[in-house]
Amino acid sequence: RYRGHGDDMRIPLEPDAGRYDAIGPVDAIVELALGRGENRSP
């Protein structure tokens, strides 16, 4: 994220941080059914 000189944020990331997460939605529906967690794809 860049908002000008002095406000330049480059976030360090682990290798494979961007690989697709096939498990995330599965875990989410289980957590939501238990009354907790967040629906990030409603």
Full PDB file with SEQRES, HELIX, SHEET, SSBOND, CRYST1, ORIGX, SCALE, CONECT and MASTER records, all heavy atoms in Angstrom:
SEQRES   1 A   42  ARG TYR ARG GLY HIS GLY ASP ASP MET ARG ILE PRO LEU          
SEQRES   2 A   42  GLU PRO ASP ALA GLY ARG TYR ASP ALA ILE GLY PRO VAL          
SEQRES   3 A   42  ASP ALA ILE VAL GLU LEU ALA LEU GLY ARG GLY GLU ASN          
SEQRES   4 A   42  ARG SER PRO                                                  
HELIX    1 AA1 GLY A   24  ALA A   33  1                                  10    
CRYST1    1.000    1.000    1.000  90.00  90.00  90.00 P 1           1          
ORIGX1      1.000000  0.000000  0.000000        0.00000                         
ORIGX2      0.000000  1.000000  0.000000        0.00000                         
ORIGX3      0.000000  0.000000  1.000000        0.00000                         
SCALE1      1.000000  0.000000  0.000000        0.00000                         
SCALE2      0.000000  1.000000  0.000000        0.00000                         
SCALE3      0.000000  0.000000  1.000000        0.00000                         
ATOM      1  N   ARG A   1       0.850  -1.190   0.000  1.00  0.00           N  
ATOM      2  CA  ARG A   1       0.000   0.000   0.000  1.00  0.00           C  
ATOM      3  C   ARG A   1       0.883   1.236   0.000  1.00  0.00           C  
ATOM      4  O   ARG A   1       1.791   1.360   0.833  1.00  0.00           O  
ATOM      5  CB  ARG A   1      -0.923   0.038   1.221  1.00  0.00           C  
ATOM      6  CG  ARG A   1      -1.969   1.160   1.126  1.00  0.00           C  
ATOM      7  CD  ARG A   1      -2.809   1.267   2.378  1.00  0.00           C  
ATOM      8  NE  ARG A   1      -2.067   1.869   3.489  1.00  0.00           N  
ATOM      9  CZ  ARG A   1      -2.586   2.070   4.707  1.00  0.00           C  
ATOM     10  NH1 ARG A   1      -3.837   1.683   4.948  1.00  0.00           N  
ATOM     11  NH2 ARG A   1      -1.872   2.609   5.669  1.00  0.00           N  
ATOM     12  N   TYR A   2       0.601   2.117  -0.940  1.00  0.00           N  
ATOM     13  CA  TYR A   2       1.404   3.335  -1.072  1.00  0.00           C  
ATOM     14  C   TYR A   2       0.494   4.550  -0.994  1.00  0.00           C  
ATOM     15  O   TYR A   2      -0.474   4.667  -1.752  1.00  0.00           O  
ATOM     16  CB  TYR A   2       2.142   3.339  -2.413  1.00  0.00           C  
ATOM     17  CG  TYR A   2       2.998   4.568  -2.622  1.00  0.00           C  
ATOM     18  CD1 TYR A   2       4.239   4.680  -2.011  1.00  0.00           C  
ATOM     19  CD2 TYR A   2       2.542   5.617  -3.426  1.00  0.00           C  
ATOM     20  CE1 TYR A   2       5.012   5.826  -2.197  1.00  0.00           C  
ATOM     21  CE2 TYR A   2       3.312   6.746  -3.616  1.00  0.00           C  
ATOM     22  CZ  TYR A   2       4.543   6.846  -2.996  1.00  0.00           C  
ATOM     23  OH  TYR A   2       5.316   7.972  -3.175  1.00  0.00           O  
ATOM     24  N   ARG A   3       0.818   5.452  -0.057  1.00  0.00           N  
ATOM     25  CA  ARG A   3       0.043   6.686   0.088  1.00  0.00           C  
ATOM     26  C   ARG A   3       0.953   7.906   0.110  1.00  0.00           C  
ATOM     27  O   ARG A   3       0.630   8.923   0.706  1.00  0.00           O  
ATOM     28  CB  ARG A   3      -0.805   6.637   1.359  1.00  0.00           C  
ATOM     29  CG  ARG A   3      -1.792   5.491   1.382  1.00  0.00           C  
ATOM     30  CD  ARG A   3      -2.873   5.655   2.428  1.00  0.00           C  
ATOM     31  NE  ARG A   3      -2.334   5.745   3.792  1.00  0.00           N  
ATOM     32  CZ  ARG A   3      -3.080   5.699   4.887  1.00  0.00           C  
ATOM     33  NH1 ARG A   3      -4.409   5.569   4.774  1.00  0.00           N  
ATOM     34  NH2 ARG A   3      -2.535   5.786   6.092  1.00  0.00           N  
ATOM     35  N   GLY A   4       2.102   7.785  -0.552  1.00  0.00           N  
ATOM     36  CA  GLY A   4       3.027   8.898  -0.626  1.00  0.00           C  
ATOM     37  C   GLY A   4       4.299   8.637   0.164  1.00  0.00           C  
ATOM     38  O   GLY A   4       4.400   7.675   0.922  1.00  0.00           O  
ATOM     39  N   HIS A   5       5.288   9.495  -0.032  1.00  0.00           N  
ATOM     40  CA  HIS A   5       6.555   9.358   0.689  1.00  0.00           C  
ATOM     41  C   HIS A   5       6.313   9.396   2.193  1.00  0.00           C  
ATOM     42  O   HIS A   5       5.574  10.236   2.702  1.00  0.00           O  
ATOM     43  CB  HIS A   5       7.516  10.486   0.286  1.00  0.00           C  
ATOM     44  CG  HIS A   5       7.888  10.445  -1.160  1.00  0.00           C  
ATOM     45  ND1 HIS A   5       8.528   9.373  -1.732  1.00  0.00           N  
ATOM     46  CD2 HIS A   5       7.687  11.350  -2.148  1.00  0.00           C  
ATOM     47  CE1 HIS A   5       8.720   9.610  -3.012  1.00  0.00           C  
ATOM     48  NE2 HIS A   5       8.221  10.810  -3.301  1.00  0.00           N  
ATOM     49  N   GLY A   6       6.882   8.430   2.882  1.00  0.00           N  
ATOM     50  CA  GLY A   6       6.694   8.324   4.314  1.00  0.00           C  
ATOM     51  C   GLY A   6       5.491   7.481   4.711  1.00  0.00           C  
ATOM     52  O   GLY A   6       5.271   7.248   5.897  1.00  0.00           O  
ATOM     53  N   ASP A   7       4.720   7.056   3.742  1.00  0.00           N  
ATOM     54  CA  ASP A   7       3.567   6.192   4.021  1.00  0.00           C  
ATOM     55  C   ASP A   7       3.533   5.088   2.973  1.00  0.00           C  
ATOM     56  O   ASP A   7       2.614   4.978   2.171  1.00  0.00           O  
ATOM     57  CB  ASP A   7       2.272   7.000   3.987  1.00  0.00           C  
ATOM     58  CG  ASP A   7       1.096   6.252   4.620  1.00  0.00           C  
ATOM     59  OD1 ASP A   7       1.254   5.051   4.908  1.00  0.00           O  
ATOM     60  OD2 ASP A   7       0.035   6.862   4.790  1.00  0.00           O  
ATOM     61  N   ASP A   8       4.595   4.278   2.990  1.00  0.00           N  
ATOM     62  CA  ASP A   8       4.811   3.223   1.995  1.00  0.00           C  
ATOM     63  C   ASP A   8       4.913   1.896   2.741  1.00  0.00           C  
ATOM     64  O   ASP A   8       5.894   1.639   3.433  1.00  0.00           O  
ATOM     65  CB  ASP A   8       6.100   3.534   1.232  1.00  0.00           C  
ATOM     66  CG  ASP A   8       6.369   2.560   0.101  1.00  0.00           C  
ATOM     67  OD1 ASP A   8       5.733   1.501   0.059  1.00  0.00           O  
ATOM     68  OD2 ASP A   8       7.229   2.866  -0.742  1.00  0.00           O  
ATOM     69  N   MET A   9       3.896   1.060   2.640  1.00  0.00           N  
ATOM     70  CA  MET A   9       3.849  -0.187   3.412  1.00  0.00           C  
ATOM     71  C   MET A   9       3.960  -1.388   2.479  1.00  0.00           C  
ATOM     72  O   MET A   9       3.065  -1.637   1.660  1.00  0.00           O  
ATOM     73  CB  MET A   9       2.549  -0.268   4.214  1.00  0.00           C  
ATOM     74  CG  MET A   9       2.378   0.818   5.233  1.00  0.00           C  
ATOM     75  SD  MET A   9       0.824   0.620   6.189  1.00  0.00           S  
ATOM     76  CE  MET A   9       1.163  -0.918   7.033  1.00  0.00           C  
ATOM     77  N   ARG A  10       5.039  -2.132   2.606  1.00  0.00           N  
ATOM     78  CA  ARG A  10       5.234  -3.387   1.883  1.00  0.00           C  
ATOM     79  C   ARG A  10       5.239  -4.504   2.921  1.00  0.00           C  
ATOM     80  O   ARG A  10       6.130  -4.574   3.764  1.00  0.00           O  
ATOM     81  CB  ARG A  10       6.538  -3.369   1.085  1.00  0.00           C  
ATOM     82  CG  ARG A  10       6.559  -2.289   0.006  1.00  0.00           C  
ATOM     83  CD  ARG A  10       7.926  -2.183  -0.664  1.00  0.00           C  
ATOM     84  NE  ARG A  10       7.987  -1.060  -1.577  1.00  0.00           N  
ATOM     85  CZ  ARG A  10       7.804  -1.126  -2.891  1.00  0.00           C  
ATOM     86  NH1 ARG A  10       7.547  -2.306  -3.443  1.00  0.00           N  
ATOM     87  NH2 ARG A  10       7.876  -0.052  -3.650  1.00  0.00           N  
ATOM     88  N   ILE A  11       4.238  -5.362   2.853  1.00  0.00           N  
ATOM     89  CA  ILE A  11       4.026  -6.359   3.892  1.00  0.00           C  
ATOM     90  C   ILE A  11       4.878  -7.594   3.605  1.00  0.00           C  
ATOM     91  O   ILE A  11       4.767  -8.194   2.530  1.00  0.00           O  
ATOM     92  CB  ILE A  11       2.543  -6.759   3.969  1.00  0.00           C  
ATOM     93  CG1 ILE A  11       1.665  -5.515   4.129  1.00  0.00           C  
ATOM     94  CG2 ILE A  11       2.323  -7.750   5.094  1.00  0.00           C  
ATOM     95  CD1 ILE A  11       1.959  -4.691   5.354  1.00  0.00           C  
ATOM     96  N   PRO A  12       5.752  -8.005   4.533  1.00  0.00           N  
ATOM     97  CA  PRO A  12       6.536  -9.230   4.326  1.00  0.00           C  
ATOM     98  C   PRO A  12       5.635 -10.461   4.365  1.00  0.00           C  
ATOM     99  O   PRO A  12       4.764 -10.573   5.242  1.00  0.00           O  
ATOM    100  CB  PRO A  12       7.534  -9.215   5.491  1.00  0.00           C  
ATOM    101  CG  PRO A  12       6.880  -8.385   6.546  1.00  0.00           C  
ATOM    102  CD  PRO A  12       6.070  -7.348   5.820  1.00  0.00           C  
ATOM    103  N   LEU A  13       5.845 -11.370   3.429  1.00  0.00           N  
ATOM    104  CA  LEU A  13       4.990 -12.549   3.319  1.00  0.00           C  
ATOM    105  C   LEU A  13       5.826 -13.815   3.207  1.00  0.00           C  
ATOM    106  O   LEU A  13       6.941 -13.793   2.690  1.00  0.00           O  
ATOM    107  CB  LEU A  13       4.082 -12.431   2.085  1.00  0.00           C  
ATOM    108  CG  LEU A  13       3.106 -11.249   2.075  1.00  0.00           C  
ATOM    109  CD1 LEU A  13       2.499 -11.082   0.691  1.00  0.00           C  
ATOM    110  CD2 LEU A  13       2.014 -11.447   3.120  1.00  0.00           C  
ATOM    111  N   GLU A  14       5.256 -14.917   3.666  1.00  0.00           N  
ATOM    112  CA  GLU A  14       5.916 -16.208   3.571  1.00  0.00           C  
ATOM    113  C   GLU A  14       5.777 -16.767   2.158  1.00  0.00           C  
ATOM    114  O   GLU A  14       4.844 -16.424   1.425  1.00  0.00           O  
ATOM    115  CB  GLU A  14       5.281 -17.196   4.558  1.00  0.00           C  
ATOM    116  CG  GLU A  14       5.433 -16.812   6.010  1.00  0.00           C  
ATOM    117  CD  GLU A  14       6.878 -16.870   6.466  1.00  0.00           C  
ATOM    118  OE1 GLU A  14       7.618 -17.737   5.942  1.00  0.00           O  
ATOM    119  OE2 GLU A  14       7.262 -16.055   7.321  1.00  0.00           O  
ATOM    120  N   PRO A  15       6.720 -17.633   1.729  1.00  0.00           N  
ATOM    121  CA  PRO A  15       6.549 -18.313   0.445  1.00  0.00           C  
ATOM    122  C   PRO A  15       5.218 -19.071   0.408  1.00  0.00           C  
ATOM    123  O   PRO A  15       4.791 -19.641   1.412  1.00  0.00           O  
ATOM    124  CB  PRO A  15       7.743 -19.277   0.404  1.00  0.00           C  
ATOM    125  CG  PRO A  15       8.769 -18.666   1.299  1.00  0.00           C  
ATOM    126  CD  PRO A  15       7.993 -18.000   2.395  1.00  0.00           C  
ATOM    127  N   ASP A  16       4.569 -19.038  -0.738  1.00  0.00           N  
ATOM    128  CA  ASP A  16       3.281 -19.701  -0.960  1.00  0.00           C  
ATOM    129  C   ASP A  16       2.137 -19.058  -0.192  1.00  0.00           C  
ATOM    130  O   ASP A  16       1.068 -19.655  -0.030  1.00  0.00           O  
ATOM    131  CB  ASP A  16       3.350 -21.192  -0.616  1.00  0.00           C  
ATOM    132  CG  ASP A  16       4.145 -21.983  -1.640  1.00  0.00           C  
ATOM    133  OD1 ASP A  16       4.306 -21.484  -2.780  1.00  0.00           O  
ATOM    134  OD2 ASP A  16       4.614 -23.086  -1.309  1.00  0.00           O  
ATOM    135  N   ALA A  17       2.334 -17.833   0.265  1.00  0.00           N  
ATOM    136  CA  ALA A  17       1.262 -17.140   0.978  1.00  0.00           C  
ATOM    137  C   ALA A  17       0.040 -16.937   0.091  1.00  0.00           C  
ATOM    138  O   ALA A  17      -1.082 -16.832   0.589  1.00  0.00           O  
ATOM    139  CB  ALA A  17       1.753 -15.789   1.495  1.00  0.00           C  
ATOM    140  N   GLY A  18       0.245 -16.910  -1.223  1.00  0.00           N  
ATOM    141  CA  GLY A  18      -0.853 -16.646  -2.132  1.00  0.00           C  
ATOM    142  C   GLY A  18      -1.491 -17.871  -2.747  1.00  0.00           C  
ATOM    143  O   GLY A  18      -2.360 -17.737  -3.625  1.00  0.00           O  
ATOM    144  N   ARG A  19      -1.080 -19.054  -2.326  1.00  0.00           N  
ATOM    145  CA  ARG A  19      -1.708 -20.258  -2.881  1.00  0.00           C  
ATOM    146  C   ARG A  19      -3.181 -20.323  -2.504  1.00  0.00           C  
ATOM    147  O   ARG A  19      -3.584 -19.880  -1.439  1.00  0.00           O  
ATOM    148  CB  ARG A  19      -0.997 -21.525  -2.392  1.00  0.00           C  
ATOM    149  CG  ARG A  19       0.275 -21.829  -3.153  1.00  0.00           C  
ATOM    150  CD  ARG A  19       0.745 -23.247  -2.928  1.00  0.00           C  
ATOM    151  NE  ARG A  19       1.944 -23.524  -3.699  1.00  0.00           N  
ATOM    152  CZ  ARG A  19       1.939 -23.964  -4.943  1.00  0.00           C  
ATOM    153  NH1 ARG A  19       0.777 -24.179  -5.555  1.00  0.00           N  
ATOM    154  NH2 ARG A  19       3.069 -24.195  -5.593  1.00  0.00           N  
ATOM    155  N   TYR A  20      -3.959 -20.913  -3.390  1.00  0.00           N  
ATOM    156  CA  TYR A  20      -5.404 -20.995  -3.153  1.00  0.00           C  
ATOM    157  C   TYR A  20      -5.692 -21.833  -1.907  1.00  0.00           C  
ATOM    158  O   TYR A  20      -5.047 -22.854  -1.668  1.00  0.00           O  
ATOM    159  CB  TYR A  20      -6.104 -21.600  -4.368  1.00  0.00           C  
ATOM    160  CG  TYR A  20      -7.603 -21.601  -4.211  1.00  0.00           C  
ATOM    161  CD1 TYR A  20      -8.315 -20.413  -4.311  1.00  0.00           C  
ATOM    162  CD2 TYR A  20      -8.291 -22.776  -3.928  1.00  0.00           C  
ATOM    163  CE1 TYR A  20      -9.682 -20.394  -4.136  1.00  0.00           C  
ATOM    164  CE2 TYR A  20      -9.668 -22.768  -3.762  1.00  0.00           C  
ATOM    165  CZ  TYR A  20     -10.357 -21.576  -3.866  1.00  0.00           C  
ATOM    166  OH  TYR A  20     -11.715 -21.562  -3.691  1.00  0.00           O  
ATOM    167  N   ASP A  21      -6.682 -21.403  -1.149  1.00  0.00           N  
ATOM    168  CA  ASP A  21      -7.052 -22.085   0.097  1.00  0.00           C  
ATOM    169  C   ASP A  21      -8.391 -22.800  -0.101  1.00  0.00           C  
ATOM    170  O   ASP A  21      -9.462 -22.203   0.028  1.00  0.00           O  
ATOM    171  CB  ASP A  21      -7.159 -21.067   1.231  1.00  0.00           C  
ATOM    172  CG  ASP A  21      -7.389 -21.720   2.579  1.00  0.00           C  
ATOM    173  OD1 ASP A  21      -7.587 -22.956   2.623  1.00  0.00           O  
ATOM    174  OD2 ASP A  21      -7.383 -21.000   3.593  1.00  0.00           O  
ATOM    175  N   ALA A  22      -8.341 -24.085  -0.420  1.00  0.00           N  
ATOM    176  CA  ALA A  22      -9.573 -24.849  -0.623  1.00  0.00           C  
ATOM    177  C   ALA A  22     -10.242 -25.213   0.696  1.00  0.00           C  
ATOM    178  O   ALA A  22     -11.438 -25.556   0.727  1.00  0.00           O  
ATOM    179  CB  ALA A  22      -9.269 -26.124  -1.417  1.00  0.00           C  
ATOM    180  N   ILE A  23      -9.492 -25.145   1.799  1.00  0.00           N  
ATOM    181  CA  ILE A  23     -10.020 -25.554   3.094  1.00  0.00           C  
ATOM    182  C   ILE A  23     -10.709 -24.401   3.823  1.00  0.00           C  
ATOM    183  O   ILE A  23     -11.604 -24.622   4.634  1.00  0.00           O  
ATOM    184  CB  ILE A  23      -8.894 -26.133   3.972  1.00  0.00           C  
ATOM    185  CG1 ILE A  23      -8.201 -27.294   3.242  1.00  0.00           C  
ATOM    186  CG2 ILE A  23      -9.422 -26.612   5.313  1.00  0.00           C  
ATOM    187  CD1 ILE A  23      -9.142 -28.432   2.885  1.00  0.00           C  
ATOM    188  N   GLY A  24     -10.310 -23.169   3.529  1.00  0.00           N  
ATOM    189  CA  GLY A  24     -10.851 -22.014   4.245  1.00  0.00           C  
ATOM    190  C   GLY A  24     -12.365 -21.950   4.286  1.00  0.00           C  
ATOM    191  O   GLY A  24     -12.964 -21.819   5.375  1.00  0.00           O  
ATOM    192  N   PRO A  25     -13.062 -22.052   3.134  1.00  0.00           N  
ATOM    193  CA  PRO A  25     -14.523 -22.001   3.184  1.00  0.00           C  
ATOM    194  C   PRO A  25     -15.138 -23.182   3.943  1.00  0.00           C  
ATOM    195  O   PRO A  25     -16.184 -23.024   4.581  1.00  0.00           O  
ATOM    196  CB  PRO A  25     -14.914 -22.039   1.698  1.00  0.00           C  
ATOM    197  CG  PRO A  25     -13.715 -21.529   0.969  1.00  0.00           C  
ATOM    198  CD  PRO A  25     -12.546 -22.018   1.755  1.00  0.00           C  
ATOM    199  N   VAL A  26     -14.506 -24.352   3.881  1.00  0.00           N  
ATOM    200  CA  VAL A  26     -15.015 -25.528   4.598  1.00  0.00           C  
ATOM    201  C   VAL A  26     -14.926 -25.292   6.103  1.00  0.00           C  
ATOM    202  O   VAL A  26     -15.892 -25.530   6.856  1.00  0.00           O  
ATOM    203  CB  VAL A  26     -14.238 -26.789   4.204  1.00  0.00           C  
ATOM    204  CG1 VAL A  26     -14.740 -27.993   4.987  1.00  0.00           C  
ATOM    205  CG2 VAL A  26     -14.341 -27.036   2.702  1.00  0.00           C  
ATOM    206  N   ASP A  27     -13.748 -24.836   6.552  1.00  0.00           N  
ATOM    207  CA  ASP A  27     -13.602 -24.528   7.977  1.00  0.00           C  
ATOM    208  C   ASP A  27     -14.589 -23.440   8.402  1.00  0.00           C  
ATOM    209  O   ASP A  27     -15.155 -23.486   9.504  1.00  0.00           O  
ATOM    210  CB  ASP A  27     -12.173 -24.071   8.278  1.00  0.00           C  
ATOM    211  CG  ASP A  27     -11.167 -25.206   8.217  1.00  0.00           C  
ATOM    212  OD1 ASP A  27     -11.594 -26.377   8.273  1.00  0.00           O  
ATOM    213  OD2 ASP A  27      -9.961 -24.925   8.116  1.00  0.00           O  
ATOM    214  N   ALA A  28     -14.806 -22.467   7.522  1.00  0.00           N  
ATOM    215  CA  ALA A  28     -15.686 -21.347   7.861  1.00  0.00           C  
ATOM    216  C   ALA A  28     -17.118 -21.816   8.085  1.00  0.00           C  
ATOM    217  O   ALA A  28     -17.761 -21.402   9.063  1.00  0.00           O  
ATOM    218  CB  ALA A  28     -15.642 -20.301   6.751  1.00  0.00           C  
ATOM    219  N   ILE A  29     -17.647 -22.680   7.218  1.00  0.00           N  
ATOM    220  CA  ILE A  29     -19.039 -23.101   7.379  1.00  0.00           C  
ATOM    221  C   ILE A  29     -19.221 -23.927   8.656  1.00  0.00           C  
ATOM    222  O   ILE A  29     -20.251 -23.829   9.329  1.00  0.00           O  
ATOM    223  CB  ILE A  29     -19.544 -23.871   6.131  1.00  0.00           C  
ATOM    224  CG1 ILE A  29     -21.071 -23.995   6.148  1.00  0.00           C  
ATOM    225  CG2 ILE A  29     -18.916 -25.239   6.028  1.00  0.00           C  
ATOM    226  CD1 ILE A  29     -21.808 -22.695   6.012  1.00  0.00           C  
ATOM    227  N   VAL A  30     -18.192 -24.701   9.024  1.00  0.00           N  
ATOM    228  CA  VAL A  30     -18.275 -25.463  10.279  1.00  0.00           C  
ATOM    229  C   VAL A  30     -18.272 -24.518  11.478  1.00  0.00           C  
ATOM    230  O   VAL A  30     -19.099 -24.649  12.397  1.00  0.00           O  
ATOM    231  CB  VAL A  30     -17.116 -26.469  10.371  1.00  0.00           C  
ATOM    232  CG1 VAL A  30     -17.085 -27.130  11.744  1.00  0.00           C  
ATOM    233  CG2 VAL A  30     -17.225 -27.520   9.271  1.00  0.00           C  
ATOM    234  N   GLU A  31     -17.360 -23.553  11.469  1.00  0.00           N  
ATOM    235  CA  GLU A  31     -17.296 -22.595  12.581  1.00  0.00           C  
ATOM    236  C   GLU A  31     -18.577 -21.786  12.686  1.00  0.00           C  
ATOM    237  O   GLU A  31     -19.097 -21.548  13.791  1.00  0.00           O  
ATOM    238  CB  GLU A  31     -16.095 -21.653  12.385  1.00  0.00           C  
ATOM    239  CG  GLU A  31     -14.751 -22.315  12.588  1.00  0.00           C  
ATOM    240  CD  GLU A  31     -14.561 -22.756  14.026  1.00  0.00           C  
ATOM    241  OE1 GLU A  31     -14.563 -21.880  14.922  1.00  0.00           O  
ATOM    242  OE2 GLU A  31     -14.438 -23.970  14.270  1.00  0.00           O  
ATOM    243  N   LEU A  32     -19.116 -21.374  11.552  1.00  0.00           N  
ATOM    244  CA  LEU A  32     -20.346 -20.582  11.564  1.00  0.00           C  
ATOM    245  C   LEU A  32     -21.529 -21.402  12.071  1.00  0.00           C  
ATOM    246  O   LEU A  32     -22.392 -20.881  12.787  1.00  0.00           O  
ATOM    247  CB  LEU A  32     -20.627 -20.050  10.163  1.00  0.00           C  
ATOM    248  CG  LEU A  32     -19.636 -18.970   9.673  1.00  0.00           C  
ATOM    249  CD1 LEU A  32     -19.730 -18.820   8.166  1.00  0.00           C  
ATOM    250  CD2 LEU A  32     -19.917 -17.643  10.372  1.00  0.00           C  
ATOM    251  N   ALA A  33     -21.564 -22.682  11.713  1.00  0.00           N  
ATOM    252  CA  ALA A  33     -22.634 -23.552  12.209  1.00  0.00           C  
ATOM    253  C   ALA A  33     -22.558 -23.711  13.722  1.00  0.00           C  
ATOM    254  O   ALA A  33     -23.576 -23.941  14.391  1.00  0.00           O  
ATOM    255  CB  ALA A  33     -22.562 -24.913  11.528  1.00  0.00           C  
ATOM    256  N   LEU A  34     -21.353 -23.564  14.271  1.00  0.00           N  
ATOM    257  CA  LEU A  34     -21.151 -23.648  15.717  1.00  0.00           C  
ATOM    258  C   LEU A  34     -21.364 -22.306  16.410  1.00  0.00           C  
ATOM    259  O   LEU A  34     -21.165 -22.182  17.615  1.00  0.00           O  
ATOM    260  CB  LEU A  34     -19.739 -24.167  16.015  1.00  0.00           C  
ATOM    261  CG  LEU A  34     -19.479 -25.629  15.625  1.00  0.00           C  
ATOM    262  CD1 LEU A  34     -17.989 -25.952  15.728  1.00  0.00           C  
ATOM    263  CD2 LEU A  34     -20.294 -26.577  16.494  1.00  0.00           C  
ATOM    264  N   GLY A  35     -21.724 -21.298  15.629  1.00  0.00           N  
ATOM    265  CA  GLY A  35     -22.023 -19.991  16.201  1.00  0.00           C  
ATOM    266  C   GLY A  35     -20.826 -19.107  16.413  1.00  0.00           C  
ATOM    267  O   GLY A  35     -20.866 -18.188  17.240  1.00  0.00           O  
ATOM    268  N   ARG A  36     -19.757 -19.339  15.647  1.00  0.00           N  
ATOM    269  CA  ARG A  36     -18.565 -18.504  15.800  1.00  0.00           C  
ATOM    270  C   ARG A  36     -17.897 -18.348  14.429  1.00  0.00           C  
ATOM    271  O   ARG A  36     -18.345 -18.900  13.446  1.00  0.00           O  
ATOM    272  CB  ARG A  36     -17.597 -19.147  16.794  1.00  0.00           C  
ATOM    273  CG  ARG A  36     -17.153 -20.538  16.394  1.00  0.00           C  
ATOM    274  CD  ARG A  36     -16.554 -21.299  17.549  1.00  0.00           C  
ATOM    275  NE  ARG A  36     -15.967 -22.564  17.111  1.00  0.00           N  
ATOM    276  CZ  ARG A  36     -15.911 -23.659  17.866  1.00  0.00           C  
ATOM    277  NH1 ARG A  36     -16.411 -23.632  19.097  1.00  0.00           N  
ATOM    278  NH2 ARG A  36     -15.353 -24.778  17.407  1.00  0.00           N  
ATOM    279  N   GLY A  37     -16.828 -17.556  14.384  1.00  0.00           N  
ATOM    280  CA  GLY A  37     -16.109 -17.369  13.136  1.00  0.00           C  
ATOM    281  C   GLY A  37     -16.710 -16.264  12.291  1.00  0.00           C  
ATOM    282  O   GLY A  37     -17.655 -15.568  12.677  1.00  0.00           O  
ATOM    283  N   GLU A  38     -16.148 -16.076  11.088  1.00  0.00           N  
ATOM    284  CA  GLU A  38     -16.537 -14.988  10.195  1.00  0.00           C  
ATOM    285  C   GLU A  38     -16.800 -15.539   8.804  1.00  0.00           C  
ATOM    286  O   GLU A  38     -16.046 -16.352   8.291  1.00  0.00           O  
ATOM    287  CB  GLU A  38     -15.416 -13.937  10.115  1.00  0.00           C  
ATOM    288  CG  GLU A  38     -15.723 -12.787   9.177  1.00  0.00           C  
ATOM    289  CD  GLU A  38     -14.554 -11.823   9.018  1.00  0.00           C  
ATOM    290  OE1 GLU A  38     -13.455 -12.144   9.514  1.00  0.00           O  
ATOM    291  OE2 GLU A  38     -14.755 -10.769   8.388  1.00  0.00           O  
ATOM    292  N   ASN A  39     -17.869 -15.066   8.191  1.00  0.00           N  
ATOM    293  CA  ASN A  39     -18.187 -15.419   6.811  1.00  0.00           C  
ATOM    294  C   ASN A  39     -17.556 -14.378   5.896  1.00  0.00           C  
ATOM    295  O   ASN A  39     -18.083 -13.277   5.729  1.00  0.00           O  
ATOM    296  CB  ASN A  39     -19.701 -15.469   6.607  1.00  0.00           C  
ATOM    297  CG  ASN A  39     -20.076 -16.027   5.249  1.00  0.00           C  
ATOM    298  OD1 ASN A  39     -19.250 -16.152   4.359  1.00  0.00           O  
ATOM    299  ND2 ASN A  39     -21.343 -16.363   5.086  1.00  0.00           N  
ATOM    300  N   ARG A  40     -16.423 -14.721   5.302  1.00  0.00           N  
ATOM    301  CA  ARG A  40     -15.705 -13.803   4.424  1.00  0.00           C  
ATOM    302  C   ARG A  40     -16.129 -13.964   2.962  1.00  0.00           C  
ATOM    303  O   ARG A  40     -15.548 -13.329   2.086  1.00  0.00           O  
ATOM    304  CB  ARG A  40     -14.196 -14.004   4.565  1.00  0.00           C  
ATOM    305  CG  ARG A  40     -13.662 -13.682   5.961  1.00  0.00           C  
ATOM    306  CD  ARG A  40     -12.140 -13.760   6.019  1.00  0.00           C  
ATOM    307  NE  ARG A  40     -11.523 -12.922   5.028  1.00  0.00           N  
ATOM    308  CZ  ARG A  40     -11.357 -11.607   5.138  1.00  0.00           C  
ATOM    309  NH1 ARG A  40     -11.781 -10.976   6.228  1.00  0.00           N  
ATOM    310  NH2 ARG A  40     -10.770 -10.914   4.177  1.00  0.00           N  
ATOM    311  N   SER A  41     -17.111 -14.795   2.703  1.00  0.00           N  
ATOM    312  CA  SER A  41     -17.613 -14.968   1.339  1.00  0.00           C  
ATOM    313  C   SER A  41     -19.116 -15.238   1.382  1.00  0.00           C  
ATOM    314  O   SER A  41     -19.570 -16.310   1.008  1.00  0.00           O  
ATOM    315  CB  SER A  41     -16.873 -16.107   0.639  1.00  0.00           C  
ATOM    316  OG  SER A  41     -16.815 -17.275   1.450  1.00  0.00           O  
ATOM    317  N   PRO A  42     -19.894 -14.263   1.855  1.00  0.00           N  
ATOM    318  CA  PRO A  42     -21.334 -14.470   2.049  1.00  0.00           C  
ATOM    319  C   PRO A  42     -22.115 -14.406   0.735  1.00  0.00           C  
ATOM    320  O   PRO A  42     -21.583 -14.044  -0.321  1.00  0.00           O  
ATOM    321  CB  PRO A  42     -21.713 -13.305   2.970  1.00  0.00           C  
ATOM    322  CG  PRO A  42     -20.748 -12.219   2.605  1.00  0.00           C  
ATOM    323  CD  PRO A  42     -19.448 -12.932   2.304  1.00  0.00           C  
TER     324      PRO A  42                                                      
MASTER        0    0    0    1    0    0    0    6  323    1    0    4          
END                                                                             
